[in-house]
Amino acid sequence: FLVTIFLNSCELLNEVQKTATLSKCGFRVASAQNITLAGVNVQNIKQFSDLTILDGAKLTNAVLKNQFPLDLTVNVEGKNPNASPAGMTALDWILFIDNQQMTQGTLNQAFTIPANNGTANIPMNMHFDLKQVLSGKSTDAIINFGLNLAGAGNKPSRITMKLKPTINVQGFPITYPGYITIGTDFTGLK
């Protein structure tokens, strides 16, 4: 009986320590990759003349369907300055591009950020329809927005996110009380 209580106490202390450690970690948007607009890989498109005939056909098809699906992977990097690892079991997120909310979701995957300034990459795959998000905008504006996201044009888009991590303590999920906003510089939970 005492061994069971001791083991449960050690597990609880370990989970509480991971919580305290996570609160001192920093997060940032490290990169966006695999960016496709209506099935067109836009990461290497710097101007409209870079589009192939097939790319033009895909974009024309999107115009006809009145849909502009955007797919991308946003890599969030966590950095842990602590002497012990930090962990989380889930991450609620909201994606903003140029200060406009695009989509939101939950990543139900456990991550551990190594100790002593260790970093961990947290990839988040996202899919949404730019036409719905940017309702009221012209087709050209939507296409330009998608191209700018990959750095084309003269004003690359800015990605920011709001994050709310969750950890499990004794099997019960505990979610951080509010969202933290992150950009390309490390931002902590405090």
N, C-alpha and C. Protein backbone atom coordinates (compact mmCIF):
# COMPACT_ATOMS: atom_id res chain seq x y z
N PHE A 1 0.82 -1.20 0.00
CA PHE A 1 0.00 0.00 0.00
C PHE A 1 0.86 1.26 0.00
N LEU A 2 1.90 1.27 0.86
CA LEU A 2 2.78 2.43 0.92
C LEU A 2 3.56 2.62 -0.38
N VAL A 3 3.94 1.52 -1.02
CA VAL A 3 4.66 1.61 -2.30
C VAL A 3 3.77 2.25 -3.35
N THR A 4 2.49 1.88 -3.39
CA THR A 4 1.55 2.45 -4.35
C THR A 4 1.39 3.96 -4.12
N ILE A 5 1.24 4.35 -2.86
CA ILE A 5 1.11 5.78 -2.54
C ILE A 5 2.39 6.51 -2.94
N PHE A 6 3.55 5.92 -2.65
CA PHE A 6 4.82 6.54 -3.00
C PHE A 6 4.95 6.72 -4.51
N LEU A 7 4.62 5.67 -5.27
CA LEU A 7 4.73 5.75 -6.73
C LEU A 7 3.77 6.79 -7.31
N ASN A 8 2.54 6.83 -6.78
CA ASN A 8 1.58 7.84 -7.24
C ASN A 8 2.05 9.25 -6.88
N SER A 9 2.65 9.40 -5.70
CA SER A 9 3.16 10.71 -5.30
C SER A 9 4.30 11.15 -6.20
N CYS A 10 5.18 10.22 -6.54
CA CYS A 10 6.30 10.55 -7.44
C CYS A 10 5.79 10.95 -8.82
N GLU A 11 4.77 10.23 -9.31
CA GLU A 11 4.20 10.56 -10.61
C GLU A 11 3.55 11.93 -10.58
N LEU A 12 2.82 12.23 -9.52
CA LEU A 12 2.18 13.53 -9.38
C LEU A 12 3.22 14.65 -9.33
N LEU A 13 4.28 14.44 -8.54
CA LEU A 13 5.34 15.46 -8.45
C LEU A 13 6.01 15.67 -9.80
N ASN A 14 6.23 14.60 -10.56
CA ASN A 14 6.83 14.71 -11.88
C ASN A 14 5.93 15.53 -12.82
N GLU A 15 4.62 15.28 -12.78
CA GLU A 15 3.69 16.02 -13.63
C GLU A 15 3.60 17.49 -13.21
N VAL A 16 3.61 17.75 -11.91
CA VAL A 16 3.58 19.13 -11.42
C VAL A 16 4.87 19.86 -11.85
N GLN A 17 6.00 19.16 -11.79
CA GLN A 17 7.27 19.77 -12.20
C GLN A 17 7.23 20.11 -13.70
N LYS A 18 6.66 19.21 -14.52
CA LYS A 18 6.56 19.50 -15.95
C LYS A 18 5.70 20.72 -16.20
N THR A 19 4.65 20.89 -15.38
CA THR A 19 3.78 22.06 -15.50
C THR A 19 4.55 23.34 -15.19
N ALA A 20 5.27 23.33 -14.08
CA ALA A 20 6.04 24.50 -13.69
C ALA A 20 7.12 24.81 -14.74
N THR A 21 7.73 23.76 -15.26
CA THR A 21 8.77 23.94 -16.27
C THR A 21 8.18 24.51 -17.55
N LEU A 22 7.02 24.01 -17.97
CA LEU A 22 6.38 24.50 -19.20
C LEU A 22 6.07 25.99 -19.09
N SER A 23 5.69 26.45 -17.90
CA SER A 23 5.32 27.86 -17.74
C SER A 23 6.50 28.80 -17.98
N LYS A 24 7.73 28.27 -17.95
CA LYS A 24 8.91 29.10 -18.17
C LYS A 24 9.47 28.97 -19.59
N CYS A 25 8.84 28.15 -20.41
CA CYS A 25 9.30 27.94 -21.78
C CYS A 25 8.86 29.09 -22.69
N GLY A 26 9.58 29.25 -23.79
CA GLY A 26 9.21 30.24 -24.80
C GLY A 26 8.79 29.54 -26.08
N PHE A 27 7.95 30.19 -26.85
CA PHE A 27 7.45 29.63 -28.11
C PHE A 27 7.53 30.69 -29.20
N ARG A 28 7.71 30.22 -30.45
CA ARG A 28 7.72 31.14 -31.58
C ARG A 28 7.28 30.39 -32.84
N VAL A 29 6.81 31.17 -33.82
CA VAL A 29 6.54 30.61 -35.14
C VAL A 29 7.88 30.55 -35.85
N ALA A 30 8.38 29.33 -36.08
CA ALA A 30 9.70 29.16 -36.68
C ALA A 30 9.63 29.26 -38.20
N SER A 31 8.60 28.66 -38.80
CA SER A 31 8.52 28.68 -40.26
C SER A 31 7.14 28.21 -40.71
N ALA A 32 6.88 28.45 -41.97
CA ALA A 32 5.70 27.90 -42.65
C ALA A 32 6.23 27.19 -43.88
N GLN A 33 5.73 26.01 -44.15
CA GLN A 33 6.21 25.24 -45.30
C GLN A 33 5.06 24.48 -45.93
N ASN A 34 5.35 23.86 -47.05
CA ASN A 34 4.35 23.09 -47.79
C ASN A 34 3.10 23.94 -48.08
N ILE A 35 3.31 25.17 -48.51
CA ILE A 35 2.21 26.10 -48.74
C ILE A 35 1.66 25.89 -50.15
N THR A 36 0.39 25.48 -50.20
CA THR A 36 -0.26 25.31 -51.51
C THR A 36 -1.57 26.08 -51.50
N LEU A 37 -1.83 26.76 -52.61
CA LEU A 37 -3.08 27.48 -52.83
C LEU A 37 -3.77 26.82 -54.01
N ALA A 38 -4.94 26.25 -53.77
CA ALA A 38 -5.71 25.56 -54.81
C ALA A 38 -4.86 24.49 -55.49
N GLY A 39 -4.01 23.81 -54.72
CA GLY A 39 -3.18 22.75 -55.26
C GLY A 39 -1.90 23.22 -55.91
N VAL A 40 -1.63 24.52 -55.90
CA VAL A 40 -0.42 25.08 -56.51
C VAL A 40 0.59 25.36 -55.39
N ASN A 41 1.77 24.74 -55.50
CA ASN A 41 2.84 25.01 -54.54
C ASN A 41 3.33 26.44 -54.78
N VAL A 42 3.07 27.32 -53.83
CA VAL A 42 3.39 28.74 -54.03
C VAL A 42 4.69 29.15 -53.35
N GLN A 43 5.41 28.19 -52.77
CA GLN A 43 6.62 28.56 -52.03
C GLN A 43 7.73 29.11 -52.93
N ASN A 44 7.77 28.71 -54.18
CA ASN A 44 8.83 29.20 -55.07
C ASN A 44 8.30 30.21 -56.09
N ILE A 45 7.08 30.66 -55.91
CA ILE A 45 6.48 31.64 -56.82
C ILE A 45 6.78 33.03 -56.28
N LYS A 46 7.52 33.80 -57.04
CA LYS A 46 7.85 35.17 -56.63
C LYS A 46 7.04 36.21 -57.40
N GLN A 47 6.51 35.81 -58.55
CA GLN A 47 5.67 36.70 -59.36
C GLN A 47 4.77 35.83 -60.23
N PHE A 48 3.74 36.43 -60.80
CA PHE A 48 2.77 35.67 -61.59
C PHE A 48 3.42 34.94 -62.77
N SER A 49 4.49 35.49 -63.33
CA SER A 49 5.14 34.85 -64.48
C SER A 49 5.83 33.53 -64.10
N ASP A 50 6.00 33.28 -62.79
CA ASP A 50 6.59 32.02 -62.34
C ASP A 50 5.59 30.86 -62.38
N LEU A 51 4.31 31.17 -62.58
CA LEU A 51 3.29 30.13 -62.63
C LEU A 51 3.39 29.35 -63.94
N THR A 52 3.26 28.03 -63.86
CA THR A 52 3.23 27.20 -65.06
C THR A 52 1.82 27.19 -65.64
N ILE A 53 1.67 26.62 -66.82
CA ILE A 53 0.34 26.50 -67.43
C ILE A 53 -0.57 25.65 -66.55
N LEU A 54 0.00 24.57 -65.97
CA LEU A 54 -0.78 23.71 -65.08
C LEU A 54 -1.21 24.48 -63.82
N ASP A 55 -0.31 25.30 -63.28
CA ASP A 55 -0.65 26.13 -62.11
C ASP A 55 -1.79 27.08 -62.45
N GLY A 56 -1.70 27.71 -63.64
CA GLY A 56 -2.75 28.62 -64.08
C GLY A 56 -4.08 27.90 -64.22
N ALA A 57 -4.05 26.66 -64.72
CA ALA A 57 -5.28 25.88 -64.86
C ALA A 57 -5.88 25.56 -63.49
N LYS A 58 -5.04 25.23 -62.53
CA LYS A 58 -5.53 24.94 -61.17
C LYS A 58 -6.17 26.18 -60.54
N LEU A 59 -5.53 27.32 -60.72
CA LEU A 59 -6.09 28.56 -60.16
C LEU A 59 -7.38 28.95 -60.87
N THR A 60 -7.43 28.74 -62.20
CA THR A 60 -8.65 29.02 -62.96
C THR A 60 -9.78 28.12 -62.47
N ASN A 61 -9.48 26.85 -62.24
CA ASN A 61 -10.46 25.90 -61.72
C ASN A 61 -10.98 26.36 -60.35
N ALA A 62 -10.08 26.87 -59.51
CA ALA A 62 -10.48 27.38 -58.20
C ALA A 62 -11.43 28.57 -58.35
N VAL A 63 -11.14 29.44 -59.33
CA VAL A 63 -12.02 30.59 -59.57
C VAL A 63 -13.40 30.10 -59.99
N LEU A 64 -13.45 29.11 -60.87
CA LEU A 64 -14.73 28.58 -61.35
C LEU A 64 -15.52 27.92 -60.23
N LYS A 65 -14.84 27.24 -59.34
CA LYS A 65 -15.50 26.57 -58.21
C LYS A 65 -15.77 27.54 -57.05
N ASN A 66 -15.19 28.74 -57.13
CA ASN A 66 -15.33 29.73 -56.08
C ASN A 66 -14.78 29.22 -54.74
N GLN A 67 -13.66 28.47 -54.82
CA GLN A 67 -12.99 27.93 -53.64
C GLN A 67 -11.48 28.11 -53.81
N PHE A 68 -10.81 28.53 -52.75
CA PHE A 68 -9.36 28.69 -52.75
C PHE A 68 -8.77 27.99 -51.53
N PRO A 69 -8.69 26.64 -51.59
CA PRO A 69 -8.15 25.92 -50.43
C PRO A 69 -6.67 26.24 -50.23
N LEU A 70 -6.33 26.56 -48.99
CA LEU A 70 -4.95 26.85 -48.62
C LEU A 70 -4.51 25.78 -47.63
N ASP A 71 -3.40 25.13 -47.94
CA ASP A 71 -2.81 24.13 -47.06
C ASP A 71 -1.41 24.60 -46.69
N LEU A 72 -1.04 24.42 -45.44
CA LEU A 72 0.30 24.76 -45.01
C LEU A 72 0.64 24.05 -43.72
N THR A 73 1.92 23.95 -43.45
CA THR A 73 2.40 23.45 -42.17
C THR A 73 3.10 24.60 -41.47
N VAL A 74 2.62 24.93 -40.28
CA VAL A 74 3.26 25.96 -39.47
C VAL A 74 4.09 25.23 -38.41
N ASN A 75 5.37 25.54 -38.36
CA ASN A 75 6.27 24.93 -37.38
C ASN A 75 6.43 25.89 -36.21
N VAL A 76 5.93 25.46 -35.05
CA VAL A 76 6.09 26.22 -33.82
C VAL A 76 7.27 25.60 -33.07
N GLU A 77 8.16 26.45 -32.60
CA GLU A 77 9.32 25.97 -31.87
C GLU A 77 9.17 26.33 -30.40
N GLY A 78 9.37 25.34 -29.55
CA GLY A 78 9.38 25.56 -28.11
C GLY A 78 10.80 25.52 -27.60
N LYS A 79 11.17 26.42 -26.70
CA LYS A 79 12.52 26.47 -26.13
C LYS A 79 12.41 26.41 -24.62
N ASN A 80 13.19 25.52 -24.02
CA ASN A 80 13.11 25.27 -22.59
C ASN A 80 14.40 25.68 -21.89
N PRO A 81 14.41 26.79 -21.13
CA PRO A 81 15.62 27.24 -20.44
C PRO A 81 15.86 26.50 -19.11
N ASN A 82 14.95 25.63 -18.74
CA ASN A 82 15.00 24.98 -17.44
C ASN A 82 15.95 23.78 -17.42
N ALA A 83 16.23 23.31 -16.20
CA ALA A 83 17.12 22.16 -16.01
C ALA A 83 16.40 20.82 -16.16
N SER A 84 15.08 20.85 -16.30
CA SER A 84 14.33 19.61 -16.49
C SER A 84 13.40 19.75 -17.69
N PRO A 85 13.03 18.64 -18.33
CA PRO A 85 12.17 18.70 -19.52
C PRO A 85 10.79 19.26 -19.20
N ALA A 86 10.17 19.83 -20.22
CA ALA A 86 8.80 20.35 -20.12
C ALA A 86 7.93 19.56 -21.09
N GLY A 87 6.70 19.36 -20.72
CA GLY A 87 5.83 18.61 -21.61
C GLY A 87 4.42 19.14 -21.65
N MET A 88 3.73 18.78 -22.70
CA MET A 88 2.31 19.10 -22.84
C MET A 88 1.64 17.95 -23.59
N THR A 89 0.34 17.81 -23.39
CA THR A 89 -0.39 16.71 -24.02
C THR A 89 -1.29 17.18 -25.15
N ALA A 90 -1.59 18.46 -25.20
CA ALA A 90 -2.43 19.00 -26.28
C ALA A 90 -2.13 20.49 -26.40
N LEU A 91 -2.53 21.04 -27.54
CA LEU A 91 -2.28 22.46 -27.79
C LEU A 91 -3.42 23.03 -28.62
N ASP A 92 -4.22 23.92 -28.02
CA ASP A 92 -5.23 24.66 -28.77
C ASP A 92 -4.51 25.80 -29.48
N TRP A 93 -4.91 26.09 -30.71
CA TRP A 93 -4.23 27.13 -31.47
C TRP A 93 -5.22 27.90 -32.33
N ILE A 94 -4.84 29.15 -32.61
CA ILE A 94 -5.57 30.01 -33.54
C ILE A 94 -4.52 30.62 -34.46
N LEU A 95 -4.73 30.53 -35.77
CA LEU A 95 -3.79 31.05 -36.75
C LEU A 95 -4.27 32.40 -37.26
N PHE A 96 -3.35 33.37 -37.28
CA PHE A 96 -3.61 34.69 -37.84
C PHE A 96 -2.60 34.94 -38.95
N ILE A 97 -3.06 35.49 -40.05
CA ILE A 97 -2.17 35.93 -41.12
C ILE A 97 -2.51 37.39 -41.37
N ASP A 98 -1.49 38.22 -41.30
CA ASP A 98 -1.69 39.67 -41.42
C ASP A 98 -2.78 40.16 -40.47
N ASN A 99 -2.73 39.68 -39.24
CA ASN A 99 -3.65 40.06 -38.16
C ASN A 99 -5.09 39.67 -38.39
N GLN A 100 -5.35 38.80 -39.33
CA GLN A 100 -6.71 38.32 -39.57
C GLN A 100 -6.79 36.84 -39.21
N GLN A 101 -7.79 36.49 -38.38
CA GLN A 101 -7.94 35.10 -37.98
C GLN A 101 -8.32 34.25 -39.20
N MET A 102 -7.55 33.17 -39.40
CA MET A 102 -7.76 32.28 -40.54
C MET A 102 -8.49 31.01 -40.14
N THR A 103 -7.98 30.34 -39.11
CA THR A 103 -8.53 29.07 -38.69
C THR A 103 -8.06 28.77 -37.27
N GLN A 104 -8.62 27.74 -36.69
CA GLN A 104 -8.22 27.34 -35.35
C GLN A 104 -8.41 25.85 -35.20
N GLY A 105 -7.79 25.30 -34.19
CA GLY A 105 -7.91 23.87 -33.96
C GLY A 105 -7.19 23.45 -32.71
N THR A 106 -7.10 22.14 -32.53
CA THR A 106 -6.41 21.55 -31.39
C THR A 106 -5.48 20.47 -31.91
N LEU A 107 -4.26 20.50 -31.45
CA LEU A 107 -3.29 19.46 -31.75
C LEU A 107 -3.29 18.52 -30.56
N ASN A 108 -3.84 17.34 -30.74
CA ASN A 108 -3.92 16.35 -29.66
C ASN A 108 -2.75 15.39 -29.76
N GLN A 109 -1.57 15.91 -29.43
CA GLN A 109 -0.35 15.13 -29.50
C GLN A 109 0.57 15.60 -28.39
N ALA A 110 1.16 14.66 -27.69
CA ALA A 110 2.08 15.01 -26.60
C ALA A 110 3.43 15.43 -27.17
N PHE A 111 4.01 16.46 -26.56
CA PHE A 111 5.34 16.94 -26.93
C PHE A 111 6.14 17.16 -25.67
N THR A 112 7.43 16.88 -25.76
CA THR A 112 8.36 17.16 -24.68
C THR A 112 9.43 18.09 -25.22
N ILE A 113 9.72 19.14 -24.46
CA ILE A 113 10.77 20.07 -24.84
C ILE A 113 11.97 19.77 -23.93
N PRO A 114 13.10 19.37 -24.52
CA PRO A 114 14.26 18.99 -23.71
C PRO A 114 14.76 20.13 -22.83
N ALA A 115 15.45 19.76 -21.77
CA ALA A 115 15.98 20.73 -20.80
C ALA A 115 17.20 21.47 -21.34
N ASN A 116 17.65 22.45 -20.56
CA ASN A 116 18.90 23.18 -20.80
C ASN A 116 18.95 23.86 -22.17
N ASN A 117 17.97 24.72 -22.43
CA ASN A 117 17.83 25.44 -23.70
C ASN A 117 17.57 24.53 -24.89
N GLY A 118 17.02 23.36 -24.60
CA GLY A 118 16.63 22.45 -25.67
C GLY A 118 15.42 23.00 -26.41
N THR A 119 15.29 22.60 -27.65
CA THR A 119 14.16 23.05 -28.46
C THR A 119 13.40 21.84 -29.02
N ALA A 120 12.16 22.05 -29.32
CA ALA A 120 11.32 21.04 -29.96
C ALA A 120 10.49 21.71 -31.05
N ASN A 121 10.40 21.07 -32.19
CA ASN A 121 9.57 21.56 -33.28
C ASN A 121 8.19 20.93 -33.15
N ILE A 122 7.18 21.76 -33.24
CA ILE A 122 5.79 21.29 -33.16
C ILE A 122 5.12 21.64 -34.48
N PRO A 123 5.08 20.67 -35.43
CA PRO A 123 4.46 20.95 -36.73
C PRO A 123 2.94 20.88 -36.65
N MET A 124 2.29 21.85 -37.26
CA MET A 124 0.83 21.90 -37.28
C MET A 124 0.36 22.02 -38.72
N ASN A 125 -0.32 20.99 -39.20
CA ASN A 125 -0.87 21.00 -40.56
C ASN A 125 -2.22 21.69 -40.55
N MET A 126 -2.40 22.61 -41.47
CA MET A 126 -3.63 23.42 -41.51
C MET A 126 -4.22 23.43 -42.90
N HIS A 127 -5.53 23.48 -42.94
CA HIS A 127 -6.27 23.53 -44.21
C HIS A 127 -7.50 24.40 -44.00
N PHE A 128 -7.69 25.36 -44.89
CA PHE A 128 -8.89 26.20 -44.84
C PHE A 128 -9.10 26.83 -46.21
N ASP A 129 -10.27 27.38 -46.42
CA ASP A 129 -10.62 28.00 -47.69
C ASP A 129 -10.47 29.52 -47.57
N LEU A 130 -9.50 30.06 -48.30
CA LEU A 130 -9.27 31.51 -48.26
C LEU A 130 -10.50 32.29 -48.72
N LYS A 131 -11.26 31.73 -49.63
CA LYS A 131 -12.45 32.42 -50.14
C LYS A 131 -13.44 32.67 -49.00
N GLN A 132 -13.61 31.69 -48.12
CA GLN A 132 -14.52 31.86 -46.98
C GLN A 132 -13.96 32.85 -45.97
N VAL A 133 -12.67 32.71 -45.68
CA VAL A 133 -12.06 33.58 -44.67
C VAL A 133 -12.00 35.02 -45.15
N LEU A 134 -11.70 35.21 -46.42
CA LEU A 134 -11.57 36.55 -46.98
C LEU A 134 -12.82 36.95 -47.77
N SER A 135 -13.98 36.58 -47.26
CA SER A 135 -15.22 36.89 -47.98
C SER A 135 -15.33 38.39 -48.20
N GLY A 136 -15.80 38.73 -49.37
CA GLY A 136 -15.91 40.14 -49.73
C GLY A 136 -14.70 40.67 -50.48
N LYS A 137 -13.61 39.90 -50.51
CA LYS A 137 -12.41 40.32 -51.24
C LYS A 137 -12.50 39.82 -52.67
N SER A 138 -11.83 40.50 -53.57
CA SER A 138 -11.84 40.10 -54.97
C SER A 138 -10.98 38.84 -55.16
N THR A 139 -11.20 38.16 -56.27
CA THR A 139 -10.42 36.96 -56.60
C THR A 139 -8.95 37.30 -56.69
N ASP A 140 -8.60 38.41 -57.32
CA ASP A 140 -7.20 38.82 -57.42
C ASP A 140 -6.59 39.04 -56.03
N ALA A 141 -7.35 39.66 -55.13
CA ALA A 141 -6.86 39.91 -53.78
C ALA A 141 -6.60 38.60 -53.04
N ILE A 142 -7.48 37.62 -53.25
CA ILE A 142 -7.31 36.32 -52.59
C ILE A 142 -6.08 35.60 -53.14
N ILE A 143 -5.90 35.61 -54.45
CA ILE A 143 -4.73 34.97 -55.05
C ILE A 143 -3.45 35.67 -54.58
N ASN A 144 -3.46 37.00 -54.58
CA ASN A 144 -2.29 37.75 -54.11
C ASN A 144 -1.99 37.45 -52.64
N PHE A 145 -3.03 37.31 -51.85
CA PHE A 145 -2.85 36.97 -50.44
C PHE A 145 -2.14 35.63 -50.31
N GLY A 146 -2.60 34.64 -51.08
CA GLY A 146 -1.97 33.31 -51.05
C GLY A 146 -0.53 33.34 -51.51
N LEU A 147 -0.24 34.11 -52.54
CA LEU A 147 1.13 34.23 -53.03
C LEU A 147 2.01 34.98 -52.03
N ASN A 148 1.47 36.02 -51.42
CA ASN A 148 2.24 36.79 -50.43
C ASN A 148 2.59 35.96 -49.21
N LEU A 149 1.75 35.00 -48.88
CA LEU A 149 2.02 34.15 -47.74
C LEU A 149 3.35 33.43 -47.91
N ALA A 150 3.68 33.06 -49.13
CA ALA A 150 4.93 32.36 -49.40
C ALA A 150 6.09 33.32 -49.63
N GLY A 151 5.84 34.61 -49.53
CA GLY A 151 6.92 35.59 -49.69
C GLY A 151 6.97 36.20 -51.07
N ALA A 152 6.00 35.87 -51.93
CA ALA A 152 5.97 36.50 -53.25
C ALA A 152 5.46 37.92 -53.11
N GLY A 153 5.68 38.70 -54.09
CA GLY A 153 5.22 40.08 -54.05
C GLY A 153 6.14 40.92 -53.19
N ASN A 154 5.73 42.15 -52.95
CA ASN A 154 6.60 43.05 -52.21
C ASN A 154 6.21 43.20 -50.75
N LYS A 155 5.21 42.45 -50.28
CA LYS A 155 4.83 42.54 -48.88
C LYS A 155 4.49 41.14 -48.35
N PRO A 156 5.50 40.39 -47.89
CA PRO A 156 5.22 39.05 -47.37
C PRO A 156 4.27 39.12 -46.17
N SER A 157 3.42 38.13 -46.06
CA SER A 157 2.45 38.08 -44.97
C SER A 157 3.14 37.74 -43.65
N ARG A 158 2.50 38.13 -42.60
CA ARG A 158 3.00 37.84 -41.26
C ARG A 158 2.09 36.84 -40.59
N ILE A 159 2.70 35.79 -40.07
CA ILE A 159 1.96 34.74 -39.36
C ILE A 159 2.16 34.94 -37.87
N THR A 160 1.06 34.97 -37.14
CA THR A 160 1.10 34.92 -35.69
C THR A 160 0.11 33.85 -35.25
N MET A 161 0.29 33.40 -34.04
CA MET A 161 -0.61 32.38 -33.51
C MET A 161 -0.92 32.69 -32.06
N LYS A 162 -2.05 32.15 -31.63
CA LYS A 162 -2.39 32.15 -30.21
C LYS A 162 -2.37 30.68 -29.79
N LEU A 163 -1.71 30.40 -28.67
CA LEU A 163 -1.56 29.04 -28.18
C LEU A 163 -2.10 28.90 -26.77
N LYS A 164 -2.66 27.73 -26.49
CA LYS A 164 -3.13 27.41 -25.15
C LYS A 164 -2.80 25.93 -24.89
N PRO A 165 -1.67 25.67 -24.17
CA PRO A 165 -1.27 24.28 -23.92
C PRO A 165 -2.11 23.61 -22.83
N THR A 166 -2.15 22.28 -22.91
CA THR A 166 -2.81 21.44 -21.92
C THR A 166 -1.84 20.37 -21.46
N ILE A 167 -1.86 20.09 -20.17
CA ILE A 167 -1.09 18.98 -19.62
C ILE A 167 -2.05 18.07 -18.86
N ASN A 168 -1.62 16.86 -18.60
CA ASN A 168 -2.40 15.94 -17.78
C ASN A 168 -1.72 15.78 -16.43
N VAL A 169 -2.50 15.94 -15.38
CA VAL A 169 -2.02 15.68 -14.03
C VAL A 169 -2.93 14.63 -13.43
N GLN A 170 -2.35 13.47 -13.16
CA GLN A 170 -3.09 12.33 -12.61
C GLN A 170 -4.28 11.98 -13.50
N GLY A 171 -4.09 12.10 -14.81
CA GLY A 171 -5.14 11.73 -15.76
C GLY A 171 -6.16 12.81 -16.02
N PHE A 172 -6.04 13.95 -15.36
CA PHE A 172 -6.98 15.05 -15.56
C PHE A 172 -6.31 16.14 -16.39
N PRO A 173 -6.97 16.58 -17.48
CA PRO A 173 -6.37 17.64 -18.29
C PRO A 173 -6.46 18.99 -17.59
N ILE A 174 -5.35 19.71 -17.61
CA ILE A 174 -5.31 21.06 -17.08
C ILE A 174 -4.84 21.96 -18.21
N THR A 175 -5.70 22.91 -18.59
CA THR A 175 -5.42 23.80 -19.70
C THR A 175 -4.96 25.15 -19.18
N TYR A 176 -3.94 25.70 -19.82
CA TYR A 176 -3.45 27.03 -19.46
C TYR A 176 -4.64 27.99 -19.50
N PRO A 177 -4.74 28.92 -18.55
CA PRO A 177 -5.96 29.74 -18.43
C PRO A 177 -6.26 30.68 -19.58
N GLY A 178 -5.28 31.07 -20.35
CA GLY A 178 -5.53 31.99 -21.46
C GLY A 178 -4.61 31.69 -22.61
N TYR A 179 -4.86 32.34 -23.73
CA TYR A 179 -4.00 32.17 -24.89
C TYR A 179 -2.77 33.07 -24.78
N ILE A 180 -1.65 32.60 -25.30
CA ILE A 180 -0.49 33.46 -25.47
C ILE A 180 -0.35 33.73 -26.96
N THR A 181 0.04 34.92 -27.31
CA THR A 181 0.24 35.28 -28.72
C THR A 181 1.71 35.16 -29.02
N ILE A 182 2.03 34.44 -30.11
CA ILE A 182 3.42 34.28 -30.50
C ILE A 182 3.62 34.75 -31.94
N GLY A 183 4.82 35.22 -32.20
CA GLY A 183 5.22 35.61 -33.55
C GLY A 183 6.54 34.92 -33.85
N THR A 184 7.45 35.61 -34.49
CA THR A 184 8.71 34.98 -34.87
C THR A 184 9.78 35.09 -33.79
N ASP A 185 9.50 35.83 -32.71
CA ASP A 185 10.40 35.89 -31.56
C ASP A 185 9.81 35.05 -30.43
N PHE A 186 10.67 34.50 -29.57
CA PHE A 186 10.18 33.67 -28.47
C PHE A 186 9.33 34.48 -27.52
N THR A 187 8.18 33.92 -27.15
CA THR A 187 7.26 34.52 -26.19
C THR A 187 6.94 33.46 -25.16
N GLY A 188 6.97 33.83 -23.88
CA GLY A 188 6.69 32.88 -22.81
C GLY A 188 5.25 32.85 -22.40
N LEU A 189 4.92 31.86 -21.57
CA LEU A 189 3.54 31.70 -21.09
C LEU A 189 3.19 32.68 -19.99
N LYS A 190 4.18 33.26 -19.31
CA LYS A 190 3.87 34.14 -18.18
C LYS A 190 3.27 35.43 -18.64
